[in-house]
C-alpha atoms as a PDB file:
ATOM      1  CA  MET A   1      -7.524 -17.689  12.121  1.00  0.00           C
ATOM      2  CA  ILE A   2      -6.801 -14.804  10.255  1.00  0.00           C
ATOM      3  CA  THR A   3      -4.807 -14.710   6.894  1.00  0.00           C
ATOM      4  CA  VAL A   4      -2.454 -11.688   6.012  1.00  0.00           C
ATOM      5  CA  MET A   5      -0.901 -11.899   2.770  1.00  0.00           C
ATOM      6  CA  GLY A   6       2.230  -9.556   2.494  1.00  0.00           C
ATOM      7  CA  ALA A   7       3.099 -10.409   5.932  1.00  0.00           C
ATOM      8  CA  THR A   8       6.587  -9.047   5.573  1.00  0.00           C
ATOM      9  CA  GLY A   9       5.673  -5.573   3.799  1.00  0.00           C
ATOM     10  CA  HIS A  10       5.132  -2.013   6.148  1.00  0.00           C
ATOM     11  CA  THR A  11       1.667  -2.826   6.629  1.00  0.00           C
ATOM     12  CA  GLY A  12       1.559  -6.493   7.130  1.00  0.00           C
ATOM     13  CA  GLN A  13       4.087  -6.710   9.810  1.00  0.00           C
ATOM     14  CA  TYR A  14       2.281  -4.586  11.880  1.00  0.00           C
ATOM     15  CA  LEU A  15      -0.957  -6.007  10.954  1.00  0.00           C
ATOM     16  CA  VAL A  16       0.707  -9.773  11.795  1.00  0.00           C
ATOM     17  CA  GLU A  17       1.747  -7.710  15.200  1.00  0.00           C
ATOM     18  CA  GLN A  18      -1.734  -6.274  16.069  1.00  0.00           C
ATOM     19  CA  LEU A  19      -3.603  -8.936  15.639  1.00  0.00           C
ATOM     20  CA  LEU A  20      -1.358 -11.569  17.150  1.00  0.00           C
ATOM     21  CA  GLN A  21      -1.414  -9.084  20.055  1.00  0.00           C
ATOM     22  CA  ALA A  22      -5.036  -8.999  20.476  1.00  0.00           C
ATOM     23  CA  GLY A  23      -5.152 -12.962  21.017  1.00  0.00           C
ATOM     24  CA  GLN A  24      -5.952 -14.159  17.319  1.00  0.00           C
ATOM     25  CA  GLN A  25      -4.515 -16.737  15.461  1.00  0.00           C
ATOM     26  CA  VAL A  26      -2.388 -15.650  12.456  1.00  0.00           C
ATOM     27  CA  ARG A  27      -1.377 -17.635   9.366  1.00  0.00           C
ATOM     28  CA  ALA A  28       1.611 -14.873   7.882  1.00  0.00           C
ATOM     29  CA  LEU A  29       2.209 -15.168   4.045  1.00  0.00           C
ATOM     30  CA  GLY A  30       5.153 -14.116   2.403  1.00  0.00           C
ATOM     31  CA  ARG A  31       7.886 -14.766  -0.479  1.00  0.00           C
ATOM     32  CA  SER A  32      10.777 -15.138   2.081  1.00  0.00           C
ATOM     33  CA  ALA A  33      10.873 -17.430   5.143  1.00  0.00           C
ATOM     34  CA  SER A  34      14.252 -16.099   6.612  1.00  0.00           C
ATOM     35  CA  ARG A  35      11.707 -12.851   6.507  1.00  0.00           C
ATOM     36  CA  LEU A  36       8.910 -14.803   7.898  1.00  0.00           C
ATOM     37  CA  GLN A  37      10.947 -16.300  10.678  1.00  0.00           C
ATOM     38  CA  PRO A  38      10.629 -13.077  13.420  1.00  0.00           C
ATOM     39  CA  LEU A  39       6.569 -13.218  12.971  1.00  0.00           C
ATOM     40  CA  ALA A  40       6.928 -17.038  13.648  1.00  0.00           C
ATOM     41  CA  ARG A  41       8.750 -16.528  16.853  1.00  0.00           C
ATOM     42  CA  LEU A  42       5.621 -13.936  17.771  1.00  0.00           C
ATOM     43  CA  GLY A  43       3.424 -16.893  17.151  1.00  0.00           C
ATOM     44  CA  ALA A  44       2.238 -17.048  13.764  1.00  0.00           C
ATOM     45  CA  SER A  45       1.850 -19.556  11.629  1.00  0.00           C
ATOM     46  CA  VAL A  46       4.091 -18.952   8.276  1.00  0.00           C
ATOM     47  CA  LEU A  47       3.412 -20.307   4.804  1.00  0.00           C
ATOM     48  CA  VAL A  48       5.821 -19.515   2.051  1.00  0.00           C
ATOM     49  CA  GLY A  49       4.453 -18.538  -1.508  1.00  0.00           C
ATOM     50  CA  GLU A  50       3.989 -16.691  -4.421  1.00  0.00           C
ATOM     51  CA  PRO A  51       0.794 -14.107  -4.590  1.00  0.00           C
ATOM     52  CA  ASP A  52       0.290 -15.419  -8.136  1.00  0.00           C
ATOM     53  CA  ASN A  53      -0.003 -19.293  -7.343  1.00  0.00           C
ATOM     54  CA  ALA A  54      -3.839 -19.939  -7.110  1.00  0.00           C
ATOM     55  CA  ALA A  55      -3.236 -23.044  -5.357  1.00  0.00           C
ATOM     56  CA  PHE A  56      -0.915 -21.423  -2.831  1.00  0.00           C
ATOM     57  CA  LEU A  57      -3.310 -19.333  -1.997  1.00  0.00           C
ATOM     58  CA  THR A  58      -6.036 -21.999  -1.656  1.00  0.00           C
ATOM     59  CA  ARG A  59      -4.038 -23.912   0.879  1.00  0.00           C
ATOM     60  CA  ALA A  60      -3.191 -20.654   2.866  1.00  0.00           C
ATOM     61  CA  PHE A  61      -6.970 -19.221   2.813  1.00  0.00           C
ATOM     62  CA  ARG A  62      -8.494 -22.358   3.710  1.00  0.00           C
ATOM     63  CA  ASP A  63     -10.261 -22.399   7.394  1.00  0.00           C
ATOM     64  CA  ALA A  64      -9.597 -18.523   7.646  1.00  0.00           C
ATOM     65  CA  ALA A  65     -12.525 -16.488   8.961  1.00  0.00           C
ATOM     66  CA  ALA A  66     -11.066 -13.689   7.368  1.00  0.00           C
ATOM     67  CA  VAL A  67      -8.248 -12.602   5.014  1.00  0.00           C
ATOM     68  CA  TYR A  68      -6.028  -9.410   4.429  1.00  0.00           C
ATOM     69  CA  THR A  69      -5.343  -9.186   0.753  1.00  0.00           C
ATOM     70  CA  LEU A  70      -3.422  -6.758  -1.592  1.00  0.00           C
ATOM     71  CA  LEU A  71      -1.395  -6.888  -4.834  1.00  0.00           C
ATOM     72  CA  PRO A  72       2.302  -7.121  -4.565  1.00  0.00           C
ATOM     73  CA  TYR A  73       4.453  -5.213  -6.867  1.00  0.00           C
ATOM     74  CA  ASP A  74       7.856  -6.083  -8.643  1.00  0.00           C
ATOM     75  CA  MET A  75       9.909  -2.626  -9.635  1.00  0.00           C
ATOM     76  CA  GLN A  76      11.003  -4.313 -12.532  1.00  0.00           C
ATOM     77  CA  VAL A  77       8.387  -6.373 -13.945  1.00  0.00           C
ATOM     78  CA  PRO A  78       8.199  -5.958 -17.754  1.00  0.00           C
ATOM     79  CA  ASP A  79       4.301  -5.945 -17.806  1.00  0.00           C
ATOM     80  CA  TYR A  80       2.991  -4.410 -14.469  1.00  0.00           C
ATOM     81  CA  TYR A  81      -0.897  -5.082 -15.456  1.00  0.00           C
ATOM     82  CA  ALA A  82      -0.031  -8.838 -16.287  1.00  0.00           C
ATOM     83  CA  MET A  83       1.665  -9.380 -13.246  1.00  0.00           C
ATOM     84  CA  GLN A  84      -1.153  -7.811 -10.890  1.00  0.00           C
ATOM     85  CA  ARG A  85      -3.836  -9.324 -13.162  1.00  0.00           C
ATOM     86  CA  ALA A  86      -2.025 -13.057 -12.561  1.00  0.00           C
ATOM     87  CA  GLN A  87      -2.143 -12.353  -8.824  1.00  0.00           C
ATOM     88  CA  GLY A  88      -5.690 -10.862  -8.444  1.00  0.00           C
ATOM     89  CA  GLU A  89      -6.949 -13.746 -10.483  1.00  0.00           C
ATOM     90  CA  ALA A  90      -4.997 -16.257  -8.259  1.00  0.00           C
ATOM     91  CA  ILE A  91      -6.597 -14.249  -4.998  1.00  0.00           C
ATOM     92  CA  VAL A  92     -10.287 -14.480  -6.214  1.00  0.00           C
ATOM     93  CA  HIS A  93      -9.883 -18.174  -7.291  1.00  0.00           C
ATOM     94  CA  ALA A  94      -8.619 -19.011  -3.868  1.00  0.00           C
ATOM     95  CA  LEU A  95     -11.470 -16.933  -2.307  1.00  0.00           C
ATOM     96  CA  ARG A  96     -14.144 -18.578  -3.690  1.00  0.00           C
ATOM     97  CA  GLU A  97     -13.181 -22.180  -3.662  1.00  0.00           C
ATOM     98  CA  ASN A  98     -12.920 -21.572   0.214  1.00  0.00           C
ATOM     99  CA  GLY A  99     -15.927 -19.763   0.595  1.00  0.00           C
ATOM    100  CA  THR A 100     -14.032 -16.880   2.559  1.00  0.00           C
ATOM    101  CA  GLY A 101     -17.072 -14.438   4.361  1.00  0.00           C
ATOM    102  CA  HIS A 102     -14.627 -11.348   5.054  1.00  0.00           C
ATOM    103  CA  VAL A 103     -12.097  -9.987   2.864  1.00  0.00           C
ATOM    104  CA  VAL A 104     -10.415  -6.535   3.234  1.00  0.00           C
ATOM    105  CA  PHE A 105      -8.349  -5.469   0.387  1.00  0.00           C
ATOM    106  CA  HIS A 106      -5.661  -2.218   0.290  1.00  0.00           C
ATOM    107  CA  SER A 107      -6.740  -0.531  -2.102  1.00  0.00           C
ATOM    108  CA  SER A 108      -6.058   3.131  -3.458  1.00  0.00           C
ATOM    109  CA  LEU A 109      -8.224   6.727  -3.707  1.00  0.00           C
ATOM    110  CA  GLY A 110      -8.600   6.758  -7.546  1.00  0.00           C
ATOM    111  CA  ALA A 111      -9.611   2.900  -7.782  1.00  0.00           C
ATOM    112  CA  GLU A 112     -12.847   3.784  -9.083  1.00  0.00           C
ATOM    113  CA  LEU A 113     -11.248   5.039 -12.299  1.00  0.00           C
ATOM    114  CA  PRO A 114     -10.962   1.836 -14.979  1.00  0.00           C
ATOM    115  CA  ALA A 115      -7.617   4.026 -16.481  1.00  0.00           C
ATOM    116  CA  GLY A 116      -5.251   6.678 -16.660  1.00  0.00           C
ATOM    117  CA  THR A 117      -4.338   6.435 -13.125  1.00  0.00           C
ATOM    118  CA  GLY A 118      -1.141   4.415 -13.835  1.00  0.00           C
ATOM    119  CA  PRO A 119      -0.952   1.717 -11.441  1.00  0.00           C
ATOM    120  CA  ILE A 120      -3.995   2.352  -9.539  1.00  0.00           C
ATOM    121  CA  ALA A 121      -5.916   1.087 -12.499  1.00  0.00           C
ATOM    122  CA  SER A 122      -5.114  -2.555 -11.644  1.00  0.00           C
ATOM    123  CA  MET A 123      -6.500  -2.098  -8.351  1.00  0.00           C
ATOM    124  CA  HIS A 124      -9.420  -0.973 -10.117  1.00  0.00           C
ATOM    125  CA  GLU A 125      -9.841  -4.592 -11.696  1.00  0.00           C
ATOM    126  CA  GLN A 126      -9.453  -6.055  -8.461  1.00  0.00           C
ATOM    127  CA  GLU A 127     -12.056  -3.888  -6.872  1.00  0.00           C
ATOM    128  CA  THR A 128     -14.041  -5.201  -9.793  1.00  0.00           C
ATOM    129  CA  ARG A 129     -12.996  -9.470  -9.149  1.00  0.00           C
ATOM    130  CA  LEU A 130     -14.038  -9.104  -5.609  1.00  0.00           C
ATOM    131  CA  ARG A 131     -17.352  -7.314  -5.858  1.00  0.00           C
ATOM    132  CA  GLY A 132     -18.251 -10.190  -8.308  1.00  0.00           C
ATOM    133  CA  LEU A 133     -17.722 -12.607  -5.230  1.00  0.00           C
ATOM    134  CA  ASN A 134     -20.863 -14.200  -4.323  1.00  0.00           C
ATOM    135  CA  GLY A 135     -21.778 -13.971  -0.176  1.00  0.00           C
ATOM    136  CA  CYS A 136     -18.288 -12.786  -0.017  1.00  0.00           C
ATOM    137  CA  ASN A 137     -18.215  -9.172   2.525  1.00  0.00           C
ATOM    138  CA  VAL A 138     -15.877  -7.157   1.157  1.00  0.00           C
ATOM    139  CA  LEU A 139     -13.661  -4.527   2.874  1.00  0.00           C
ATOM    140  CA  MET A 140     -12.017  -2.016   0.364  1.00  0.00           C
ATOM    141  CA  LEU A 141      -9.780   0.449   2.052  1.00  0.00           C
ATOM    142  CA  ARG A 142      -8.697   2.679  -0.275  1.00  0.00           C
ATOM    143  CA  THR A 143      -5.649   5.034   0.846  1.00  0.00           C
ATOM    144  CA  GLY A 144      -4.063   7.708  -0.038  1.00  0.00           C
ATOM    145  CA  ALA A 145      -0.601   8.079  -0.704  1.00  0.00           C
ATOM    146  CA  LEU A 146       1.957   6.327   1.550  1.00  0.00           C
ATOM    147  CA  PHE A 147       4.193   7.758   3.917  1.00  0.00           C
ATOM    148  CA  GLU A 148       6.516   4.822   3.473  1.00  0.00           C
ATOM    149  CA  ASN A 149       6.814   5.951   0.477  1.00  0.00           C
ATOM    150  CA  PHE A 150       9.646   8.606   0.717  1.00  0.00           C
ATOM    151  CA  TYR A 151      11.907   5.799   1.669  1.00  0.00           C
ATOM    152  CA  GLY A 152      12.280   5.546  -1.931  1.00  0.00           C
ATOM    153  CA  ALA A 153      13.607   9.295  -1.847  1.00  0.00           C
ATOM    154  CA  LEU A 154      16.347   8.928   0.448  1.00  0.00           C
ATOM    155  CA  GLY A 155      18.888   7.802  -2.143  1.00  0.00           C
ATOM    156  CA  VAL A 156      18.258  10.863  -4.073  1.00  0.00           C
ATOM    157  CA  ILE A 157      18.495  13.451  -1.247  1.00  0.00           C
ATOM    158  CA  LYS A 158      21.402  11.994  -0.136  1.00  0.00           C
ATOM    159  CA  GLN A 159      23.243  12.065  -3.617  1.00  0.00           C
ATOM    160  CA  ALA A 160      21.289  15.394  -5.008  1.00  0.00           C
ATOM    161  CA  GLY A 161      20.764  17.236  -1.816  1.00  0.00           C
ATOM    162  CA  LEU A 162      17.070  17.275  -2.972  1.00  0.00           C
ATOM    163  CA  ASN A 163      13.842  15.645  -3.408  1.00  0.00           C
ATOM    164  CA  GLY A 164      11.872  15.401  -6.763  1.00  0.00           C
ATOM    165  CA  ASP A 165       8.868  13.725  -8.347  1.00  0.00           C
ATOM    166  CA  ALA A 166       6.547  14.784 -10.707  1.00  0.00           C
ATOM    167  CA  VAL A 167       3.907  15.820  -8.527  1.00  0.00           C
ATOM    168  CA  ALA A 168       3.528  19.433  -8.469  1.00  0.00           C
ATOM    169  CA  PRO A 169       4.890  21.060  -5.370  1.00  0.00           C
ATOM    170  CA  ASP A 170       2.743  22.439  -3.559  1.00  0.00           C
ATOM    171  CA  LEU A 171      -0.812  20.534  -4.404  1.00  0.00           C
ATOM    172  CA  PRO A 172      -1.879  19.141  -0.756  1.00  0.00           C
ATOM    173  CA  ILE A 173      -2.846  15.701  -1.452  1.00  0.00           C
ATOM    174  CA  PRO A 174      -3.628  12.620   1.472  1.00  0.00           C
ATOM    175  CA  MET A 175      -0.987  10.836   2.748  1.00  0.00           C
ATOM    176  CA  ILE A 176      -1.262   7.870   5.412  1.00  0.00           C
ATOM    177  CA  ALA A 177       0.896   6.034   7.614  1.00  0.00           C
ATOM    178  CA  THR A 178       0.752   2.608   6.878  1.00  0.00           C
ATOM    179  CA  ARG A 179       0.463   1.671  10.607  1.00  0.00           C
ATOM    180  CA  ASP A 180      -2.673   3.249  10.621  1.00  0.00           C
ATOM    181  CA  LEU A 181      -3.925   1.030   7.767  1.00  0.00           C
ATOM    182  CA  ALA A 182      -2.857  -1.668   9.510  1.00  0.00           C
ATOM    183  CA  ASP A 183      -5.098  -0.538  12.767  1.00  0.00           C
ATOM    184  CA  VAL A 184      -8.383  -0.018  10.945  1.00  0.00           C
ATOM    185  CA  ALA A 185      -7.337  -3.625   9.048  1.00  0.00           C
ATOM    186  CA  ALA A 186      -6.876  -5.275  12.144  1.00  0.00           C
ATOM    187  CA  LYS A 187     -10.061  -3.679  13.795  1.00  0.00           C
ATOM    188  CA  ALA A 188     -11.972  -5.141  10.780  1.00  0.00           C
ATOM    189  CA  LEU A 189     -10.587  -8.269  10.762  1.00  0.00           C
ATOM    190  CA  ILE A 190     -11.280  -9.001  14.452  1.00  0.00           C
ATOM    191  CA  ALA A 191     -14.721  -7.830  14.315  1.00  0.00           C
ATOM    192  CA  ARG A 192     -15.734  -9.206  10.752  1.00  0.00           C
ATOM    193  CA  ASP A 193     -18.750  -6.302  11.540  1.00  0.00           C
ATOM    194  CA  TRP A 194     -19.656  -5.513   8.040  1.00  0.00           C
ATOM    195  CA  HIS A 195     -22.056  -6.680   5.187  1.00  0.00           C
ATOM    196  CA  GLY A 196     -21.811  -6.574   1.390  1.00  0.00           C
ATOM    197  CA  VAL A 197     -18.985  -4.521  -0.223  1.00  0.00           C
ATOM    198  CA  VAL A 198     -18.075  -1.631   1.481  1.00  0.00           C
ATOM    199  CA  VAL A 199     -15.549   0.611   0.498  1.00  0.00           C
ATOM    200  CA  ARG A 200     -14.076   3.092   3.367  1.00  0.00           C
ATOM    201  CA  GLU A 201     -10.895   6.030   2.350  1.00  0.00           C
ATOM    202  CA  LEU A 202      -8.547   6.639   5.090  1.00  0.00           C
ATOM    203  CA  LEU A 203      -6.770  10.007   4.055  1.00  0.00           C
ATOM    204  CA  GLY A 204      -4.476  10.139   7.051  1.00  0.00           C
ATOM    205  CA  PRO A 205      -4.211  13.341   9.357  1.00  0.00           C
ATOM    206  CA  CYS A 206      -4.446  15.920   6.903  1.00  0.00           C
ATOM    207  CA  ASP A 207      -3.671  16.618   3.254  1.00  0.00           C
ATOM    208  CA  LEU A 208       0.067  17.493   2.518  1.00  0.00           C
ATOM    209  CA  SER A 209       2.018  18.786  -0.187  1.00  0.00           C
ATOM    210  CA  TYR A 210       5.577  17.060  -1.378  1.00  0.00           C
ATOM    211  CA  ALA A 211       6.844  20.613  -0.964  1.00  0.00           C
ATOM    212  CA  GLU A 212       5.897  20.832   2.855  1.00  0.00           C
ATOM    213  CA  ALA A 213       6.589  16.886   3.463  1.00  0.00           C
ATOM    214  CA  THR A 214      10.095  17.735   2.329  1.00  0.00           C
ATOM    215  CA  ARG A 215      10.914  20.499   4.202  1.00  0.00           C
ATOM    216  CA  LEU A 216       9.628  18.408   7.688  1.00  0.00           C
ATOM    217  CA  LEU A 217      11.962  15.187   6.322  1.00  0.00           C
ATOM    218  CA  GLY A 218      15.137  17.884   5.986  1.00  0.00           C
ATOM    219  CA  GLU A 219      14.587  19.698   9.262  1.00  0.00           C
ATOM    220  CA  ARG A 220      15.092  15.854  10.737  1.00  0.00           C
ATOM    221  CA  ILE A 221      17.797  14.666   8.857  1.00  0.00           C
ATOM    222  CA  GLY A 222      19.665  18.195   9.519  1.00  0.00           C
ATOM    223  CA  GLN A 223      18.924  20.251   6.339  1.00  0.00           C
ATOM    224  CA  PRO A 224      16.419  22.289   7.057  1.00  0.00           C
ATOM    225  CA  ASP A 225      16.775  24.211   3.479  1.00  0.00           C
ATOM    226  CA  LEU A 226      16.051  20.947   1.843  1.00  0.00           C
ATOM    227  CA  ASN A 227      14.301  21.312  -1.381  1.00  0.00           C
ATOM    228  CA  TYR A 228      11.435  19.684  -3.208  1.00  0.00           C
ATOM    229  CA  VAL A 229      11.843  19.866  -7.355  1.00  0.00           C
ATOM    230  CA  GLN A 230       8.789  19.085  -9.592  1.00  0.00           C
ATOM    231  CA  LEU A 231      10.529  17.137 -12.393  1.00  0.00           C
ATOM    232  CA  THR A 232       9.075  16.940 -16.192  1.00  0.00           C
ATOM    233  CA  ALA A 233       7.794  13.520 -17.208  1.00  0.00           C
ATOM    234  CA  GLU A 234      11.079  12.850 -18.822  1.00  0.00           C
ATOM    235  CA  ASP A 235      13.221  13.489 -16.215  1.00  0.00           C
ATOM    236  CA  MET A 236      10.908  11.524 -13.915  1.00  0.00           C
ATOM    237  CA  THR A 237      11.311   8.580 -16.096  1.00  0.00           C
ATOM    238  CA  GLY A 238      14.728   8.897 -16.574  1.00  0.00           C
ATOM    239  CA  ALA A 239      15.003   9.145 -12.478  1.00  0.00           C
ATOM    240  CA  LEU A 240      12.905   6.111 -12.282  1.00  0.00           C
ATOM    241  CA  LEU A 241      14.754   4.072 -14.958  1.00  0.00           C
ATOM    242  CA  GLY A 242      17.790   4.994 -13.026  1.00  0.00           C
ATOM    243  CA  ALA A 243      16.527   3.197 -10.033  1.00  0.00           C
ATOM    244  CA  GLY A 244      15.397   0.015 -11.168  1.00  0.00           C
ATOM    245  CA  PHE A 245      11.938   0.477 -12.321  1.00  0.00           C
ATOM    246  CA  SER A 246      10.865  -1.113 -15.481  1.00  0.00           C
ATOM    247  CA  PRO A 247      10.373   1.115 -18.469  1.00  0.00           C
ATOM    248  CA  ASN A 248       6.948   0.051 -18.414  1.00  0.00           C
ATOM    249  CA  LEU A 249       6.204   0.604 -14.044  1.00  0.00           C
ATOM    250  CA  ALA A 250       7.966   3.964 -15.216  1.00  0.00           C
ATOM    251  CA  GLY A 251       5.923   4.797 -17.537  1.00  0.00           C
ATOM    252  CA  LEU A 252       2.612   3.954 -15.204  1.00  0.00           C
ATOM    253  CA  TYR A 253       3.920   5.878 -12.428  1.00  0.00           C
ATOM    254  CA  VAL A 254       4.628   9.113 -14.373  1.00  0.00           C
ATOM    255  CA  GLU A 255       0.705   8.651 -15.575  1.00  0.00           C
ATOM    256  CA  LEU A 256      -0.083   8.560 -11.979  1.00  0.00           C
ATOM    257  CA  ALA A 257       1.279  12.013 -11.238  1.00  0.00           C
ATOM    258  CA  GLN A 258      -0.060  14.039 -13.975  1.00  0.00           C
ATOM    259  CA  ALA A 259      -3.381  12.085 -12.834  1.00  0.00           C
ATOM    260  CA  ILE A 260      -2.795  13.526  -9.380  1.00  0.00           C
ATOM    261  CA  ASN A 261      -1.388  17.030 -10.578  1.00  0.00           C
ATOM    262  CA  GLN A 262      -4.892  16.731 -12.754  1.00  0.00           C
ATOM    263  CA  GLY A 263      -6.630  16.470  -9.231  1.00  0.00           C
ATOM    264  CA  ARG A 264      -8.481  13.092 -10.504  1.00  0.00           C
ATOM    265  CA  ILE A 265      -6.777  10.957  -8.044  1.00  0.00           C
ATOM    266  CA  LYS A 266      -8.810  12.320  -4.646  1.00  0.00           C
ATOM    267  CA  SER A 267     -11.184  11.619  -1.797  1.00  0.00           C
ATOM    268  CA  LEU A 268     -14.380  11.019  -3.081  1.00  0.00           C
ATOM    269  CA  GLU A 269     -16.122  11.078   0.732  1.00  0.00           C
ATOM    270  CA  GLY A 270     -14.742  14.476   1.543  1.00  0.00           C
ATOM    271  CA  ARG A 271     -12.224  14.354   5.045  1.00  0.00           C
ATOM    272  CA  HIS A 272     -14.507  13.463   8.442  1.00  0.00           C
ATOM    273  CA  PRO A 273     -13.687  11.844  11.619  1.00  0.00           C
ATOM    274  CA  GLY A 274     -14.424   8.743  10.272  1.00  0.00           C
ATOM    275  CA  ASN A 275     -11.698   8.370   7.492  1.00  0.00           C
ATOM    276  CA  THR A 276      -8.938  11.017   9.289  1.00  0.00           C
ATOM    277  CA  THR A 277      -6.221   8.630  10.834  1.00  0.00           C
ATOM    278  CA  PRO A 278      -3.625   9.659  13.853  1.00  0.00           C
ATOM    279  CA  THR A 279      -0.274   9.422  12.402  1.00  0.00           C
ATOM    280  CA  ARG A 280       1.246  12.492  11.640  1.00  0.00           C
ATOM    281  CA  PHE A 281       3.999  12.581   9.029  1.00  0.00           C
ATOM    282  CA  GLU A 282       5.902  14.904  11.796  1.00  0.00           C
ATOM    283  CA  ASP A 283       5.798  11.351  13.891  1.00  0.00           C
ATOM    284  CA  PHE A 284       7.127   9.028  11.105  1.00  0.00           C
ATOM    285  CA  ALA A 285       9.612  11.373   9.954  1.00  0.00           C
ATOM    286  CA  PRO A 286      12.028  10.261  12.719  1.00  0.00           C
ATOM    287  CA  GLU A 287      11.971   6.824  11.138  1.00  0.00           C
ATOM    288  CA  LEU A 288      12.892   8.387   7.811  1.00  0.00           C
ATOM    289  CA  ALA A 289      15.681  10.234   9.176  1.00  0.00           C
ATOM    290  CA  ALA A 290      17.204   7.158  11.324  1.00  0.00           C
ATOM    291  CA  ALA A 291      17.251   5.187   7.956  1.00  0.00           C
ATOM    292  CA  TYR A 292      19.035   8.082   5.708  1.00  0.00           C
ATOM    293  CA  GLN A 293      21.813   8.296   8.625  1.00  0.00           C
ATOM    294  CA  ALA A 294      22.045   4.565   8.375  1.00  0.00           C
ATOM    295  CA  MET A 295      22.487   4.847   4.534  1.00  0.00           C
END
């Protein structure tokens, strides 16, 4: 049995499907029974509960040979770190109670830094907790920015005819499709062939700037001249608040953009075949375009 947290998310859903196709027994966790039903129809065992409920997670991890974990987030939460800490502690409690042998954790580039990285600092805390599990083999998958983050920009593009963020326009950064993360996680969860604590970076097919990604997306939605505009910290905060983010999380995302611009969020390994994944942004852009056209 393999347990998958966040099974209705971009990564989790694809991961569950990959594991089932490989003949694995899968226990899929999520907050919504209705959103879990498609996975149940595919053959997964599903459980509904909250990721900060240690009793629920202890039951969900029981008899699992391996567990995929992550720290879900809520953009309206008043205290992001407190929410992440509660979830992280519940996960580690459940792993310890069950003596789980293998764990995969979706982390991020920059998680080696304890502070000054916005939301990523909570992943540093969770990596530290996981390192304290005796007898547990932990694989930290540190990814670059996710292609799926651009779904959040579609509304702005529709309304304003441009894409904007606080990240510098021409700064190349690693970006990855969640399906590639899921592929790596699935192989690891099935093989369970690592020992101790292992950190592995996943950088996508190439480094890509926000300006270039915006141009590629513009081509797909019939706006080849779509521009990317770098927002000031104040304007970015206002945009996030307008999109429904809490003041706390909006401030953390601005801090993250500043850390990226300063070159603090970066690969420690350097790019090599082992951390370069196949899906190009050009391959993913049609999915963004379809969502844009459906708006």
